[in-house]
Protein backbone atom coordinates (compact mmCIF):
# COMPACT_ATOMS: atom_id res chain seq x y z
CA MET A 1 -0.32 0.14 -0.15
CA ARG A 2 1.48 3.42 -0.89
CA GLY A 3 1.73 6.36 1.59
CA VAL A 4 -0.28 8.58 0.08
CA VAL A 5 -3.34 6.07 0.60
CA VAL A 6 -3.05 5.34 4.07
CA LEU A 7 -2.21 8.67 4.62
CA ALA A 8 -5.57 9.43 3.10
CA GLY A 9 -7.52 6.96 4.72
CA LEU A 10 -5.84 7.65 8.52
CA LEU A 11 -6.84 12.19 6.98
CA LEU A 12 -10.31 10.75 6.75
CA PHE A 13 -10.86 8.79 9.45
CA ALA A 14 -9.56 12.09 11.53
CA ILE A 15 -11.93 13.88 9.99
CA GLY A 16 -14.89 11.74 10.73
CA MET A 17 -13.35 11.75 14.44
CA GLY A 18 -13.68 15.69 14.12
CA LEU A 19 -17.07 15.53 13.41
CA HIS A 20 -18.16 13.12 15.95
CA VAL A 21 -16.16 15.28 18.39
CA ARG A 22 -17.73 18.28 17.66
CA ILE A 23 -21.48 17.13 17.19
CA TRP A 24 -21.21 15.21 20.38
CA ARG A 25 -20.16 18.35 22.54
CA LYS A 26 -22.56 20.14 21.20
CA GLY A 27 -25.13 17.97 22.91
CA ARG A 28 -25.66 14.04 21.99
CA PRO A 29 -28.08 13.24 19.39
CA GLU A 30 -31.19 11.38 20.32
CA ARG A 31 -30.48 8.51 18.41
CA GLU A 32 -27.00 8.25 19.24
CA LEU A 33 -25.99 5.36 17.34
CA LEU A 34 -27.64 5.82 13.88
CA SER A 35 -26.34 9.42 14.53
CA LEU A 36 -22.51 7.89 15.09
CA VAL A 37 -22.97 6.05 11.95
CA LEU A 38 -24.25 8.48 9.76
CA THR A 39 -21.05 10.90 11.00
CA PHE A 40 -18.67 8.65 10.00
CA PHE A 41 -20.36 8.00 6.54
CA ALA A 42 -20.65 11.97 5.73
CA PRO A 43 -16.77 12.06 5.35
CA TRP A 44 -16.84 9.05 3.56
CA ALA A 45 -19.65 9.88 0.80
CA ALA A 46 -18.19 13.26 0.29
CA TYR A 47 -14.37 11.26 -0.51
CA THR A 48 -16.10 8.97 -2.68
CA PHE A 49 -18.01 11.89 -4.36
CA THR A 50 -14.36 13.52 -4.74
CA ALA A 51 -12.99 10.70 -5.78
CA LEU A 52 -15.65 9.76 -8.85
CA VAL A 53 -14.52 13.36 -10.09
CA GLY A 54 -10.97 13.16 -9.72
CA MET A 55 -10.90 9.66 -11.69
CA ARG A 56 -12.90 11.25 -14.29
CA LEU A 57 -10.15 14.29 -14.24
CA GLY A 58 -6.69 12.17 -13.69
CA PRO A 59 -4.58 10.09 -11.76
CA LEU A 60 -6.78 8.52 -9.03
CA TRP A 61 -6.86 4.76 -9.54
CA VAL A 62 -10.35 2.63 -8.76
CA SER A 63 -7.79 0.55 -6.40
CA ASP A 64 -6.32 3.92 -4.26
CA TRP A 65 -9.99 4.93 -3.83
CA ALA A 66 -11.06 0.77 -2.70
CA ALA A 67 -7.77 0.43 -0.40
CA VAL A 68 -8.69 3.96 1.23
CA SER A 69 -11.85 3.17 2.16
CA LEU A 70 -11.00 -0.03 2.87
CA LEU A 71 -8.85 1.86 5.58
CA TYR A 72 -11.18 4.24 6.74
CA TRP A 73 -13.94 1.78 7.45
CA THR A 74 -11.78 -1.07 9.17
CA LEU A 75 -10.81 2.31 11.83
CA SER A 76 -14.28 3.19 11.65
CA GLY A 77 -15.73 0.17 12.56
CA ALA A 78 -12.96 -0.47 15.22
CA TYR A 79 -14.20 2.64 16.78
CA LEU A 80 -18.14 2.21 15.95
CA GLN A 81 -17.85 -1.44 18.11
CA THR A 82 -16.08 0.32 20.79
CA TYR A 83 -18.15 2.90 21.07
CA PRO A 84 -21.09 1.65 23.36
CA VAL A 85 -18.45 0.45 25.93
CA LEU A 86 -16.66 3.80 25.75
CA GLN A 87 -20.16 5.95 26.50
CA ALA A 88 -21.68 3.14 29.13
CA ALA A 89 -20.50 2.69 32.28
CA SER A 90 -18.60 -0.74 31.79
CA PRO A 91 -18.53 -2.45 35.11
CA SER A 92 -14.93 -3.61 34.10
CA LEU A 93 -13.72 0.16 33.19
CA LEU A 94 -15.72 1.73 36.23
CA ILE A 95 -13.36 -0.90 38.42
CA VAL A 96 -10.06 0.43 36.09
CA LEU A 97 -11.09 3.33 36.51
CA ALA A 98 -12.12 3.49 41.09
CA VAL A 99 -8.27 1.12 41.54
CA GLY A 100 -6.54 3.78 39.04
CA LYS A 101 -8.26 6.90 41.22
CA ALA A 102 -6.64 4.94 44.08
CA MET A 103 -3.33 4.36 43.16
CA PRO A 104 -0.54 4.17 44.51
CA ARG A 105 -1.91 3.01 47.43
CA GLY A 106 -5.07 0.84 45.82
CA LEU A 107 -7.72 -0.55 46.84
CA SER A 108 -9.57 -3.71 48.90
CA GLU A 109 -12.01 -5.55 47.02
CA GLU A 110 -14.15 -4.61 49.82
CA GLU A 111 -13.54 -0.86 49.42
CA LEU A 112 -13.96 -1.26 45.40
CA LEU A 113 -17.02 -2.71 46.01
CA GLU A 114 -18.20 0.36 48.39
CA THR A 115 -17.05 2.43 45.56
CA LEU A 116 -18.87 1.08 42.46
CA VAL A 117 -22.69 2.39 42.09
CA ASP A 118 -25.64 -0.04 41.44
CA PRO A 119 -25.21 -2.65 38.43
CA GLN A 120 -29.17 -2.45 38.39
CA SER A 121 -28.71 1.44 37.25
CA GLN A 122 -26.43 0.57 35.23
CA MET A 123 -29.15 -1.87 33.29
CA ALA A 124 -31.77 0.90 33.53
CA ASP A 125 -29.22 3.03 31.43
CA ARG A 126 -28.22 0.66 28.56
CA ILE A 127 -31.86 -0.36 28.31
CA ASP A 128 -32.94 3.97 28.04
CA ASP A 129 -30.08 3.59 25.19
CA LEU A 130 -31.46 0.56 23.44
CA LEU A 131 -35.02 2.11 23.58
CA GLU A 132 -33.93 5.59 22.60
CA GLY A 133 -31.46 4.21 19.96
CA GLY A 134 -35.05 2.07 18.26
CA LEU A 135 -32.99 -0.87 18.79
CA VAL A 136 -35.60 -2.38 21.13
CA THR A 137 -39.02 -1.78 21.90
CA GLN A 138 -41.28 -1.82 24.92
CA ASP A 139 -44.43 -3.39 24.56
CA GLY A 140 -47.08 -4.11 27.43
CA GLY A 141 -44.00 -4.22 29.62
CA LYS A 142 -42.00 -6.33 27.26
CA LEU A 143 -38.72 -5.66 25.62
CA ARG A 144 -38.77 -6.63 21.77
CA LEU A 145 -36.35 -6.24 18.98
CA THR A 146 -37.02 -4.40 16.31
CA LYS A 147 -36.18 -6.07 13.01
CA THR A 148 -33.14 -3.33 12.80
CA SER A 149 -31.48 -5.01 15.81
CA ALA A 150 -32.50 -8.56 14.94
CA ALA A 151 -31.03 -8.34 12.16
CA PHE A 152 -27.86 -6.97 13.63
CA ILE A 153 -27.04 -9.34 16.09
CA PHE A 154 -27.74 -12.66 14.03
CA PRO A 155 -24.29 -12.73 12.34
CA PHE A 156 -22.93 -12.98 16.25
CA ARG A 157 -26.07 -15.63 17.23
CA CYS A 158 -24.50 -17.83 14.78
CA LEU A 159 -21.15 -17.49 15.52
CA ARG A 160 -21.79 -18.15 19.23
CA ALA A 161 -24.11 -20.89 18.36
CA LEU A 162 -20.71 -22.29 15.79
CA LEU A 163 -18.23 -21.90 18.86
CA GLY A 164 -20.80 -23.75 21.58
CA MET A 165 -21.61 -20.40 23.95
CA GLU A 166 -24.43 -20.31 25.77
CA LEU A 167 -26.16 -17.03 26.41
CA GLY A 168 -24.78 -14.49 28.82
CA ARG A 169 -21.29 -16.51 29.16
CA GLY A 170 -18.48 -15.67 27.18
């Protein structure tokens, strides 16, 4: 891969991250996950449009466009998959942050348990996120998957079944 292709892919990703930071600093959107995907789609769409014009005018090769796109979506996809962990109160992340705050002294397990928030409230926050994101609906007090979320989790369910993983166990 040529250096200019790597640089273009990294620059495009930096633009996507810049948009993400700028939009989220103004206030987190209601449909956060959809907004995040669209935020990262916009720079790629602009690049693709520019590349199409460039292909007509000169030296941009389809292979360069494909390589930049592949790098961009690899980086963006990795970020999009880790974003829910970054924005959520992940138990593992809370533990690491609590222990980090107590350094260099450290924390006993008992002290750690006293500092952590109620796990039920964390679950309620995640349910609210899913409802707001349109990934689940609530009907008669029961949560149901939307068609979008059912399609999204299908490959994961298949992979877990293939690996013999039970629900709730890693």
